[in-house]
Amino acid sequence: MLAVEVCYALPGAQTLLAVDMPAGATVRQAIDASGILKKHPEIDLSTQKVGIYGKVKPLDAPLADHDRVEIYRPLIVDPKMARQRRVDKTRREGSIEGRKWLPKDSR
């Protein structure tokens, strides 16, 4: 038997369920056995990504003992765009973050 955890995190709460699975079980089987889809009906495995310890995996990936299956929420904002917005805000507030440094004599 494999001891596996299934995890789904929302902004304000995290659900972590432990399940025992037979050897050769897959990510999908662990999700089904955990009952997490009943607790969180908003989960759509046809569109949401899943993984094991932060690495995206297909639903038919085999599990190992002590794996943590994670169900990822879709991104609301592209991380590159979010970073660019933070840099732009910092620049507007007068910081020099993100500006190219020039030698004193070329300013």
PDB file of N, CA and C in Angstrom:
ATOM      1  N   MET A   1       0.838  -1.191   0.000  1.00  0.00           N
ATOM      2  CA  MET A   1       0.000   0.000   0.000  1.00  0.00           C
ATOM      3  C   MET A   1       0.883   1.254   0.000  1.00  0.00           C
ATOM      4  N   LEU A   2       0.375   2.286  -0.672  1.00  0.00           N
ATOM      5  CA  LEU A   2       1.058   3.573  -0.741  1.00  0.00           C
ATOM      6  C   LEU A   2       0.307   4.587   0.107  1.00  0.00           C
ATOM      7  N   ALA A   3       1.007   5.306   0.951  1.00  0.00           N
ATOM      8  CA  ALA A   3       0.415   6.412   1.709  1.00  0.00           C
ATOM      9  C   ALA A   3       0.563   7.670   0.865  1.00  0.00           C
ATOM     10  N   VAL A   4      -0.570   8.269   0.487  1.00  0.00           N
ATOM     11  CA  VAL A   4      -0.583   9.419  -0.427  1.00  0.00           C
ATOM     12  C   VAL A   4      -1.457  10.513   0.172  1.00  0.00           C
ATOM     13  N   GLU A   5      -1.122  11.764  -0.105  1.00  0.00           N
ATOM     14  CA  GLU A   5      -1.960  12.894   0.280  1.00  0.00           C
ATOM     15  C   GLU A   5      -2.459  13.578  -0.986  1.00  0.00           C
ATOM     16  N   VAL A   6      -3.699  14.063  -0.937  1.00  0.00           N
ATOM     17  CA  VAL A   6      -4.285  14.826  -2.036  1.00  0.00           C
ATOM     18  C   VAL A   6      -4.556  16.223  -1.493  1.00  0.00           C
ATOM     19  N   CYS A   7      -4.096  17.233  -2.210  1.00  0.00           N
ATOM     20  CA  CYS A   7      -4.124  18.608  -1.715  1.00  0.00           C
ATOM     21  C   CYS A   7      -4.790  19.537  -2.729  1.00  0.00           C
ATOM     22  N   TYR A   8      -5.621  20.440  -2.208  1.00  0.00           N
ATOM     23  CA  TYR A   8      -6.213  21.510  -3.025  1.00  0.00           C
ATOM     24  C   TYR A   8      -6.251  22.756  -2.157  1.00  0.00           C
ATOM     25  N   ALA A   9      -5.697  23.845  -2.647  1.00  0.00           N
ATOM     26  CA  ALA A   9      -5.613  25.064  -1.845  1.00  0.00           C
ATOM     27  C   ALA A   9      -6.419  26.182  -2.481  1.00  0.00           C
ATOM     28  N   LEU A  10      -7.200  26.857  -1.654  1.00  0.00           N
ATOM     29  CA  LEU A  10      -7.916  28.070  -2.022  1.00  0.00           C
ATOM     30  C   LEU A  10      -7.216  29.232  -1.334  1.00  0.00           C
ATOM     31  N   PRO A  11      -7.503  30.474  -1.709  1.00  0.00           N
ATOM     32  CA  PRO A  11      -6.814  31.603  -1.071  1.00  0.00           C
ATOM     33  C   PRO A  11      -6.923  31.610   0.456  1.00  0.00           C
ATOM     34  N   GLY A  12      -8.054  31.170   1.000  1.00  0.00           N
ATOM     35  CA  GLY A  12      -8.232  31.230   2.443  1.00  0.00           C
ATOM     36  C   GLY A  12      -8.165  29.908   3.166  1.00  0.00           C
ATOM     37  N   ALA A  13      -8.057  28.809   2.458  1.00  0.00           N
ATOM     38  CA  ALA A  13      -8.076  27.501   3.118  1.00  0.00           C
ATOM     39  C   ALA A  13      -7.402  26.448   2.250  1.00  0.00           C
ATOM     40  N   GLN A  14      -6.971  25.384   2.914  1.00  0.00           N
ATOM     41  CA  GLN A  14      -6.328  24.279   2.210  1.00  0.00           C
ATOM     42  C   GLN A  14      -7.006  22.984   2.639  1.00  0.00           C
ATOM     43  N   THR A  15      -7.237  22.107   1.666  1.00  0.00           N
ATOM     44  CA  THR A  15      -7.764  20.786   1.961  1.00  0.00           C
ATOM     45  C   THR A  15      -6.657  19.782   1.697  1.00  0.00           C
ATOM     46  N   LEU A  16      -6.336  18.983   2.703  1.00  0.00           N
ATOM     47  CA  LEU A  16      -5.300  17.977   2.599  1.00  0.00           C
ATOM     48  C   LEU A  16      -5.879  16.663   3.109  1.00  0.00           C
ATOM     49  N   LEU A  17      -6.016  15.691   2.220  1.00  0.00           N
ATOM     50  CA  LEU A  17      -6.637  14.417   2.560  1.00  0.00           C
ATOM     51  C   LEU A  17      -5.646  13.277   2.370  1.00  0.00           C
ATOM     52  N   ALA A  18      -5.528  12.418   3.359  1.00  0.00           N
ATOM     53  CA  ALA A  18      -4.637  11.260   3.281  1.00  0.00           C
ATOM     54  C   ALA A  18      -5.430  10.052   2.791  1.00  0.00           C
ATOM     55  N   VAL A  19      -4.852   9.313   1.861  1.00  0.00           N
ATOM     56  CA  VAL A  19      -5.476   8.085   1.362  1.00  0.00           C
ATOM     57  C   VAL A  19      -4.405   7.007   1.223  1.00  0.00           C
ATOM     58  N   ASP A  20      -4.822   5.775   1.389  1.00  0.00           N
ATOM     59  CA  ASP A  20      -3.954   4.630   1.139  1.00  0.00           C
ATOM     60  C   ASP A  20      -4.354   4.030  -0.191  1.00  0.00           C
ATOM     61  N   MET A  21      -3.377   3.850  -1.051  1.00  0.00           N
ATOM     62  CA  MET A  21      -3.627   3.357  -2.401  1.00  0.00           C
ATOM     63  C   MET A  21      -2.811   2.096  -2.650  1.00  0.00           C
ATOM     64  N   PRO A  22      -3.317   1.208  -3.489  1.00  0.00           N
ATOM     65  CA  PRO A  22      -2.533   0.020  -3.825  1.00  0.00           C
ATOM     66  C   PRO A  22      -1.350   0.396  -4.731  1.00  0.00           C
ATOM     67  N   ALA A  23      -0.332  -0.415  -4.721  1.00  0.00           N
ATOM     68  CA  ALA A  23       0.825  -0.187  -5.593  1.00  0.00           C
ATOM     69  C   ALA A  23       0.353  -0.121  -7.038  1.00  0.00           C
ATOM     70  N   GLY A  24       0.924   0.788  -7.811  1.00  0.00           N
ATOM     71  CA  GLY A  24       0.541   0.957  -9.209  1.00  0.00           C
ATOM     72  C   GLY A  24      -0.609   1.921  -9.423  1.00  0.00           C
ATOM     73  N   ALA A  25      -1.112   2.541  -8.351  1.00  0.00           N
ATOM     74  CA  ALA A  25      -2.220   3.493  -8.470  1.00  0.00           C
ATOM     75  C   ALA A  25      -1.746   4.752  -9.188  1.00  0.00           C
ATOM     76  N   THR A  26      -2.696   5.447  -9.802  1.00  0.00           N
ATOM     77  CA  THR A  26      -2.391   6.656 -10.557  1.00  0.00           C
ATOM     78  C   THR A  26      -2.879   7.902  -9.809  1.00  0.00           C
ATOM     79  N   VAL A  27      -2.476   9.044 -10.326  1.00  0.00           N
ATOM     80  CA  VAL A  27      -2.898  10.332  -9.768  1.00  0.00           C
ATOM     81  C   VAL A  27      -4.425  10.410  -9.774  1.00  0.00           C
ATOM     82  N   ARG A  28      -5.047  10.063 -10.875  1.00  0.00           N
ATOM     83  CA  ARG A  28      -6.510  10.122 -10.994  1.00  0.00           C
ATOM     84  C   ARG A  28      -7.184   9.232  -9.955  1.00  0.00           C
ATOM     85  N   GLN A  29      -6.663   8.045  -9.759  1.00  0.00           N
ATOM     86  CA  GLN A  29      -7.252   7.125  -8.787  1.00  0.00           C
ATOM     87  C   GLN A  29      -7.151   7.681  -7.366  1.00  0.00           C
ATOM     88  N   ALA A  30      -6.053   8.335  -7.046  1.00  0.00           N
ATOM     89  CA  ALA A  30      -5.900   8.935  -5.718  1.00  0.00           C
ATOM     90  C   ALA A  30      -6.879  10.085  -5.526  1.00  0.00           C
ATOM     91  N   ILE A  31      -7.068  10.893  -6.556  1.00  0.00           N
ATOM     92  CA  ILE A  31      -8.026  11.999  -6.468  1.00  0.00           C
ATOM     93  C   ILE A  31      -9.432  11.456  -6.252  1.00  0.00           C
ATOM     94  N   ASP A  32      -9.800  10.438  -7.024  1.00  0.00           N
ATOM     95  CA  ASP A  32     -11.128   9.838  -6.876  1.00  0.00           C
ATOM     96  C   ASP A  32     -11.309   9.224  -5.495  1.00  0.00           C
ATOM     97  N   ALA A  33     -10.306   8.510  -5.007  1.00  0.00           N
ATOM     98  CA  ALA A  33     -10.406   7.830  -3.711  1.00  0.00           C
ATOM     99  C   ALA A  33     -10.470   8.808  -2.545  1.00  0.00           C
ATOM    100  N   SER A  34      -9.880   9.984  -2.713  1.00  0.00           N
ATOM    101  CA  SER A  34      -9.841  10.961  -1.614  1.00  0.00           C
ATOM    102  C   SER A  34     -11.188  11.605  -1.345  1.00  0.00           C
ATOM    103  N   GLY A  35     -12.062  11.662  -2.350  1.00  0.00           N
ATOM    104  CA  GLY A  35     -13.350  12.336  -2.188  1.00  0.00           C
ATOM    105  C   GLY A  35     -13.253  13.849  -2.293  1.00  0.00           C
ATOM    106  N   ILE A  36     -12.116  14.356  -2.737  1.00  0.00           N
ATOM    107  CA  ILE A  36     -11.922  15.803  -2.804  1.00  0.00           C
ATOM    108  C   ILE A  36     -12.848  16.461  -3.828  1.00  0.00           C
ATOM    109  N   LEU A  37     -13.233  15.716  -4.860  1.00  0.00           N
ATOM    110  CA  LEU A  37     -14.123  16.286  -5.883  1.00  0.00           C
ATOM    111  C   LEU A  37     -15.526  16.533  -5.317  1.00  0.00           C
ATOM    112  N   LYS A  38     -15.915  15.792  -4.290  1.00  0.00           N
ATOM    113  CA  LYS A  38     -17.204  16.043  -3.632  1.00  0.00           C
ATOM    114  C   LYS A  38     -17.109  17.254  -2.718  1.00  0.00           C
ATOM    115  N   LYS A  39     -15.973  17.434  -2.072  1.00  0.00           N
ATOM    116  CA  LYS A  39     -15.782  18.592  -1.183  1.00  0.00           C
ATOM    117  C   LYS A  39     -15.631  19.887  -1.969  1.00  0.00           C
ATOM    118  N   HIS A  40     -15.056  19.779  -3.159  1.00  0.00           N
ATOM    119  CA  HIS A  40     -14.809  20.955  -3.998  1.00  0.00           C
ATOM    120  C   HIS A  40     -15.350  20.696  -5.403  1.00  0.00           C
ATOM    121  N   PRO A  41     -16.654  20.857  -5.595  1.00  0.00           N
ATOM    122  CA  PRO A  41     -17.242  20.579  -6.913  1.00  0.00           C
ATOM    123  C   PRO A  41     -16.764  21.529  -8.015  1.00  0.00           C
ATOM    124  N   GLU A  42     -16.108  22.619  -7.656  1.00  0.00           N
ATOM    125  CA  GLU A  42     -15.602  23.562  -8.657  1.00  0.00           C
ATOM    126  C   GLU A  42     -14.362  23.021  -9.378  1.00  0.00           C
ATOM    127  N   ILE A  43     -13.770  21.958  -8.867  1.00  0.00           N
ATOM    128  CA  ILE A  43     -12.597  21.374  -9.512  1.00  0.00           C
ATOM    129  C   ILE A  43     -13.022  20.722 -10.822  1.00  0.00           C
ATOM    130  N   ASP A  44     -12.318  21.092 -11.894  1.00  0.00           N
ATOM    131  CA  ASP A  44     -12.582  20.518 -13.222  1.00  0.00           C
ATOM    132  C   ASP A  44     -11.267  19.933 -13.736  1.00  0.00           C
ATOM    133  N   LEU A  45     -11.123  18.631 -13.610  1.00  0.00           N
ATOM    134  CA  LEU A  45      -9.874  17.983 -13.989  1.00  0.00           C
ATOM    135  C   LEU A  45      -9.616  17.998 -15.490  1.00  0.00           C
ATOM    136  N   SER A  46     -10.632  18.345 -16.273  1.00  0.00           N
ATOM    137  CA  SER A  46     -10.414  18.431 -17.717  1.00  0.00           C
ATOM    138  C   SER A  46      -9.683  19.726 -18.096  1.00  0.00           C
ATOM    139  N   THR A  47      -9.711  20.719 -17.206  1.00  0.00           N
ATOM    140  CA  THR A  47      -9.029  21.983 -17.502  1.00  0.00           C
ATOM    141  C   THR A  47      -7.920  22.314 -16.501  1.00  0.00           C
ATOM    142  N   GLN A  48      -8.041  21.862 -15.256  1.00  0.00           N
ATOM    143  CA  GLN A  48      -7.055  22.194 -14.239  1.00  0.00           C
ATOM    144  C   GLN A  48      -5.889  21.219 -14.287  1.00  0.00           C
ATOM    145  N   LYS A  49      -4.710  21.735 -13.979  1.00  0.00           N
ATOM    146  CA  LYS A  49      -3.518  20.899 -13.957  1.00  0.00           C
ATOM    147  C   LYS A  49      -3.372  20.241 -12.592  1.00  0.00           C
ATOM    148  N   VAL A  50      -2.705  19.110 -12.589  1.00  0.00           N
ATOM    149  CA  VAL A  50      -2.405  18.395 -11.357  1.00  0.00           C
ATOM    150  C   VAL A  50      -0.913  18.080 -11.354  1.00  0.00           C
ATOM    151  N   GLY A  51      -0.385  17.796 -10.179  1.00  0.00           N
ATOM    152  CA  GLY A  51       1.024  17.473 -10.094  1.00  0.00           C
ATOM    153  C   GLY A  51       1.357  16.738  -8.826  1.00  0.00           C
ATOM    154  N   ILE A  52       2.623  16.408  -8.703  1.00  0.00           N
ATOM    155  CA  ILE A  52       3.152  15.759  -7.508  1.00  0.00           C
ATOM    156  C   ILE A  52       4.312  16.614  -7.029  1.00  0.00           C
ATOM    157  N   TYR A  53       4.185  17.135  -5.826  1.00  0.00           N
ATOM    158  CA  TYR A  53       5.213  17.995  -5.234  1.00  0.00           C
ATOM    159  C   TYR A  53       5.666  19.105  -6.174  1.00  0.00           C
ATOM    160  N   GLY A  54       4.710  19.819  -6.759  1.00  0.00           N
ATOM    161  CA  GLY A  54       5.020  20.995  -7.565  1.00  0.00           C
ATOM    162  C   GLY A  54       5.420  20.725  -8.998  1.00  0.00           C
ATOM    163  N   LYS A  55       5.454  19.489  -9.414  1.00  0.00           N
ATOM    164  CA  LYS A  55       5.789  19.158 -10.801  1.00  0.00           C
ATOM    165  C   LYS A  55       4.534  18.647 -11.494  1.00  0.00           C
ATOM    166  N   VAL A  56       4.140  19.313 -12.569  1.00  0.00           N
ATOM    167  CA  VAL A  56       2.922  18.955 -13.288  1.00  0.00           C
ATOM    168  C   VAL A  56       3.052  17.534 -13.838  1.00  0.00           C
ATOM    169  N   LYS A  57       2.002  16.756 -13.635  1.00  0.00           N
ATOM    170  CA  LYS A  57       1.968  15.363 -14.078  1.00  0.00           C
ATOM    171  C   LYS A  57       0.633  15.082 -14.762  1.00  0.00           C
ATOM    172  N   PRO A  58       0.584  14.087 -15.636  1.00  0.00           N
ATOM    173  CA  PRO A  58      -0.700  13.684 -16.224  1.00  0.00           C
ATOM    174  C   PRO A  58      -1.506  12.881 -15.200  1.00  0.00           C
ATOM    175  N   LEU A  59      -2.806  12.788 -15.429  1.00  0.00           N
ATOM    176  CA  LEU A  59      -3.674  12.055 -14.512  1.00  0.00           C
ATOM    177  C   LEU A  59      -3.334  10.574 -14.435  1.00  0.00           C
ATOM    178  N   ASP A  60      -2.695  10.033 -15.464  1.00  0.00           N
ATOM    179  CA  ASP A  60      -2.367   8.613 -15.445  1.00  0.00           C
ATOM    180  C   ASP A  60      -0.946   8.328 -14.938  1.00  0.00           C
ATOM    181  N   ALA A  61      -0.306   9.325 -14.331  1.00  0.00           N
ATOM    182  CA  ALA A  61       1.039   9.133 -13.780  1.00  0.00           C
ATOM    183  C   ALA A  61       0.974   8.216 -12.569  1.00  0.00           C
ATOM    184  N   PRO A  62       1.911   7.276 -12.467  1.00  0.00           N
ATOM    185  CA  PRO A  62       1.914   6.372 -11.314  1.00  0.00           C
ATOM    186  C   PRO A  62       2.392   7.089 -10.050  1.00  0.00           C
ATOM    187  N   LEU A  63       1.914   6.612  -8.921  1.00  0.00           N
ATOM    188  CA  LEU A  63       2.268   7.211  -7.639  1.00  0.00           C
ATOM    189  C   LEU A  63       3.351   6.408  -6.943  1.00  0.00           C
ATOM    190  N   ALA A  64       4.094   7.081  -6.078  1.00  0.00           N
ATOM    191  CA  ALA A  64       5.064   6.438  -5.209  1.00  0.00           C
ATOM    192  C   ALA A  64       4.622   6.688  -3.765  1.00  0.00           C
ATOM    193  N   ASP A  65       5.161   5.910  -2.853  1.00  0.00           N
ATOM    194  CA  ASP A  65       4.807   6.058  -1.447  1.00  0.00           C
ATOM    195  C   ASP A  65       5.148   7.470  -0.964  1.00  0.00           C
ATOM    196  N   HIS A  66       4.246   8.057  -0.207  1.00  0.00           N
ATOM    197  CA  HIS A  66       4.382   9.393   0.401  1.00  0.00           C
ATOM    198  C   HIS A  66       4.333  10.531  -0.611  1.00  0.00           C
ATOM    199  N   ASP A  67       3.773  10.318  -1.797  1.00  0.00           N
ATOM    200  CA  ASP A  67       3.565  11.410  -2.751  1.00  0.00           C
ATOM    201  C   ASP A  67       2.462  12.336  -2.266  1.00  0.00           C
ATOM    202  N   ARG A  68       2.561  13.613  -2.644  1.00  0.00           N
ATOM    203  CA  ARG A  68       1.477  14.564  -2.397  1.00  0.00           C
ATOM    204  C   ARG A  68       0.937  14.995  -3.756  1.00  0.00           C
ATOM    205  N   VAL A  69      -0.284  14.602  -4.038  1.00  0.00           N
ATOM    206  CA  VAL A  69      -0.949  14.971  -5.286  1.00  0.00           C
ATOM    207  C   VAL A  69      -1.551  16.355  -5.085  1.00  0.00           C
ATOM    208  N   GLU A  70      -1.239  17.269  -5.980  1.00  0.00           N
ATOM    209  CA  GLU A  70      -1.718  18.648  -5.872  1.00  0.00           C
ATOM    210  C   GLU A  70      -2.598  18.986  -7.064  1.00  0.00           C
ATOM    211  N   ILE A  71      -3.710  19.629  -6.782  1.00  0.00           N
ATOM    212  CA  ILE A  71      -4.617  20.092  -7.830  1.00  0.00           C
ATOM    213  C   ILE A  71      -4.444  21.610  -7.885  1.00  0.00           C
ATOM    214  N   TYR A  72      -4.041  22.114  -9.042  1.00  0.00           N
ATOM    215  CA  TYR A  72      -3.705  23.528  -9.174  1.00  0.00           C
ATOM    216  C   TYR A  72      -4.889  24.335  -9.696  1.00  0.00           C
ATOM    217  N   ARG A  73      -5.094  25.505  -9.087  1.00  0.00           N
ATOM    218  CA  ARG A  73      -6.121  26.428  -9.576  1.00  0.00           C
ATOM    219  C   ARG A  73      -5.572  27.151 -10.792  1.00  0.00           C
ATOM    220  N   PRO A  74      -6.450  27.567 -11.699  1.00  0.00           N
ATOM    221  CA  PRO A  74      -5.960  28.311 -12.863  1.00  0.00           C
ATOM    222  C   PRO A  74      -5.401  29.666 -12.435  1.00  0.00           C
ATOM    223  N   LEU A  75      -4.383  30.138 -13.153  1.00  0.00           N
ATOM    224  CA  LEU A  75      -3.806  31.443 -12.862  1.00  0.00           C
ATOM    225  C   LEU A  75      -4.768  32.536 -13.296  1.00  0.00           C
ATOM    226  N   ILE A  76      -4.907  33.553 -12.468  1.00  0.00           N
ATOM    227  CA  ILE A  76      -5.767  34.683 -12.799  1.00  0.00           C
ATOM    228  C   ILE A  76      -4.984  35.690 -13.639  1.00  0.00           C
ATOM    229  N   VAL A  77      -3.697  35.863 -13.296  1.00  0.00           N
ATOM    230  CA  VAL A  77      -2.841  36.818 -13.994  1.00  0.00           C
ATOM    231  C   VAL A  77      -1.560  36.094 -14.406  1.00  0.00           C
ATOM    232  N   ASP A  78      -1.098  36.379 -15.596  1.00  0.00           N
ATOM    233  CA  ASP A  78       0.165  35.830 -16.057  1.00  0.00           C
ATOM    234  C   ASP A  78       1.280  36.343 -15.139  1.00  0.00           C
ATOM    235  N   PRO A  79       2.126  35.459 -14.591  1.00  0.00           N
ATOM    236  CA  PRO A  79       3.175  35.910 -13.666  1.00  0.00           C
ATOM    237  C   PRO A  79       4.104  36.969 -14.248  1.00  0.00           C
ATOM    238  N   LYS A  80       4.400  36.897 -15.533  1.00  0.00           N
ATOM    239  CA  LYS A  80       5.263  37.910 -16.155  1.00  0.00           C
ATOM    240  C   LYS A  80       4.583  39.267 -16.165  1.00  0.00           C
ATOM    241  N   MET A  81       3.278  39.281 -16.446  1.00  0.00           N
ATOM    242  CA  MET A  81       2.537  40.548 -16.449  1.00  0.00           C
ATOM    243  C   MET A  81       2.449  41.119 -15.032  1.00  0.00           C
ATOM    244  N   ALA A  82       2.242  40.257 -14.034  1.00  0.00           N
ATOM    245  CA  ALA A  82       2.161  40.724 -12.649  1.00  0.00           C
ATOM    246  C   ALA A  82       3.477  41.367 -12.226  1.00  0.00           C
ATOM    247  N   ARG A  83       4.591  40.760 -12.600  1.00  0.00           N
ATOM    248  CA  ARG A  83       5.886  41.326 -12.250  1.00  0.00           C
ATOM    249  C   ARG A  83       6.093  42.662 -12.948  1.00  0.00           C
ATOM    250  N   GLN A  84       5.720  42.740 -14.208  1.00  0.00           N
ATOM    251  CA  GLN A  84       5.881  43.996 -14.942  1.00  0.00           C
ATOM    252  C   GLN A  84       5.053  45.110 -14.306  1.00  0.00           C
ATOM    253  N   ARG A  85       3.837  44.777 -13.856  1.00  0.00           N
ATOM    254  CA  ARG A  85       3.006  45.785 -13.182  1.00  0.00           C
ATOM    255  C   ARG A  85       3.654  46.269 -11.897  1.00  0.00           C
ATOM    256  N   ARG A  86       4.267  45.355 -11.141  1.00  0.00           N
ATOM    257  CA  ARG A  86       4.942  45.758  -9.896  1.00  0.00           C
ATOM    258  C   ARG A  86       6.117  46.679 -10.203  1.00  0.00           C
ATOM    259  N   VAL A  87       6.895  46.353 -11.238  1.00  0.00           N
ATOM    260  CA  VAL A  87       8.033  47.205 -11.620  1.00  0.00           C
ATOM    261  C   VAL A  87       7.526  48.578 -12.046  1.00  0.00           C
ATOM    262  N   ASP A  88       6.486  48.622 -12.863  1.00  0.00           N
ATOM    263  CA  ASP A  88       5.938  49.908 -13.309  1.00  0.00           C
ATOM    264  C   ASP A  88       5.462  50.745 -12.128  1.00  0.00           C
ATOM    265  N   LYS A  89       4.806  50.117 -11.171  1.00  0.00           N
ATOM    266  CA  LYS A  89       4.317  50.833  -9.985  1.00  0.00           C
ATOM    267  C   LYS A  89       5.484  51.388  -9.193  1.00  0.00           C
ATOM    268  N   THR A  90       6.524  50.583  -9.018  1.00  0.00           N
ATOM    269  CA  THR A  90       7.699  51.031  -8.277  1.00  0.00           C
ATOM    270  C   THR A  90       8.364  52.203  -8.983  1.00  0.00           C
ATOM    271  N   ARG A  91       8.424  52.160 -10.287  1.00  0.00           N
ATOM    272  CA  ARG A  91       9.016  53.271 -11.049  1.00  0.00           C
ATOM    273  C   ARG A  91       8.195  54.541 -10.876  1.00  0.00           C
ATOM    274  N   ARG A  92       6.873  54.412 -10.924  1.00  0.00           N
ATOM    275  CA  ARG A  92       6.013  55.597 -10.759  1.00  0.00           C
ATOM    276  C   ARG A  92       6.183  56.221  -9.381  1.00  0.00           C
ATOM    277  N   GLU A  93       6.502  55.394  -8.393  1.00  0.00           N
ATOM    278  CA  GLU A  93       6.663  55.897  -7.032  1.00  0.00           C
ATOM    279  C   GLU A  93       8.054  56.462  -6.787  1.00  0.00           C
ATOM    280  N   GLY A  94       8.900  56.482  -7.831  1.00  0.00           N
ATOM    281  CA  GLY A  94      10.188  57.145  -7.715  1.00  0.00           C
ATOM    282  C   GLY A  94      11.375  56.241  -7.471  1.00  0.00           C
ATOM    283  N   SER A  95      11.192  54.947  -7.428  1.00  0.00           N
ATOM    284  CA  SER A  95      12.319  54.054  -7.227  1.00  0.00           C
ATOM    285  C   SER A  95      13.062  53.867  -8.544  1.00  0.00           C
ATOM    286  N   ILE A  96      14.290  53.420  -8.442  1.00  0.00           N
ATOM    287  CA  ILE A  96      15.075  53.191  -9.653  1.00  0.00           C
ATOM    288  C   ILE A  96      15.123  51.715 -10.026  1.00  0.00           C
ATOM    289  N   GLU A  97      14.318  50.886  -9.381  1.00  0.00           N
ATOM    290  CA  GLU A  97      14.313  49.459  -9.704  1.00  0.00           C
ATOM    291  C   GLU A  97      13.936  49.270 -11.172  1.00  0.00           C
ATOM    292  N   GLY A  98      14.673  48.454 -11.823  1.00  0.00           N
ATOM    293  CA  GLY A  98      14.370  48.153 -13.212  1.00  0.00           C
ATOM    294  C   GLY A  98      14.983  49.118 -14.212  1.00  0.00           C
ATOM    295  N   ARG A  99      15.532  50.229 -13.749  1.00  0.00           N
ATOM    296  CA  ARG A  99      16.172  51.172 -14.667  1.00  0.00           C
ATOM    297  C   ARG A  99      17.602  50.727 -14.931  1.00  0.00           C
ATOM    298  N   LYS A 100      18.072  51.034 -16.096  1.00  0.00           N
ATOM    299  CA  LYS A 100      19.454  50.713 -16.420  1.00  0.00           C
ATOM    300  C   LYS A 100      20.359  51.758 -15.784  1.00  0.00           C
ATOM    301  N   TRP A 101      21.442  51.287 -15.200  1.00  0.00           N
ATOM    302  CA  TRP A 101      22.403  52.206 -14.599  1.00  0.00           C
ATOM    303  C   TRP A 101      23.360  52.691 -15.679  1.00  0.00           C
ATOM    304  N   LEU A 102      23.586  53.991 -15.660  1.00  0.00           N
ATOM    305  CA  LEU A 102      24.526  54.594 -16.607  1.00  0.00           C
ATOM    306  C   LEU A 102      25.686  55.198 -15.817  1.00  0.00           C
ATOM    307  N   PRO A 103      26.870  55.197 -16.409  1.00  0.00           N
ATOM    308  CA  PRO A 103      27.998  55.844 -15.728  1.00  0.00           C
ATOM    309  C   PRO A 103      27.706  57.326 -15.520  1.00  0.00           C
ATOM    310  N   LYS A 104      28.291  57.947 -14.505  1.00  0.00           N
ATOM    311  CA  LYS A 104      28.025  59.347 -14.160  1.00  0.00           C
ATOM    312  C   LYS A 104      28.277  60.285 -15.350  1.00  0.00           C
ATOM    313  N   ASP A 105      29.329  60.067 -16.105  1.00  0.00           N
ATOM    314  CA  ASP A 105      29.664  60.990 -17.192  1.00  0.00           C
ATOM    315  C   ASP A 105      28.737  60.860 -18.391  1.00  0.00           C
ATOM    316  N   SER A 106      27.883  59.833 -18.465  1.00  0.00           N
ATOM    317  CA  SER A 106      26.977  59.690 -19.620  1.00  0.00           C
ATOM    318  C   SER A 106      25.555  60.140 -19.286  1.00  0.00           C
ATOM    319  N   ARG A 107      25.344  60.638 -18.091  1.00  0.00           N
ATOM    320  CA  ARG A 107      23.988  61.072 -17.708  1.00  0.00           C
ATOM    321  C   ARG A 107      23.686  62.449 -18.180  1.00  0.00           C
TER     322      ARG A 107
END
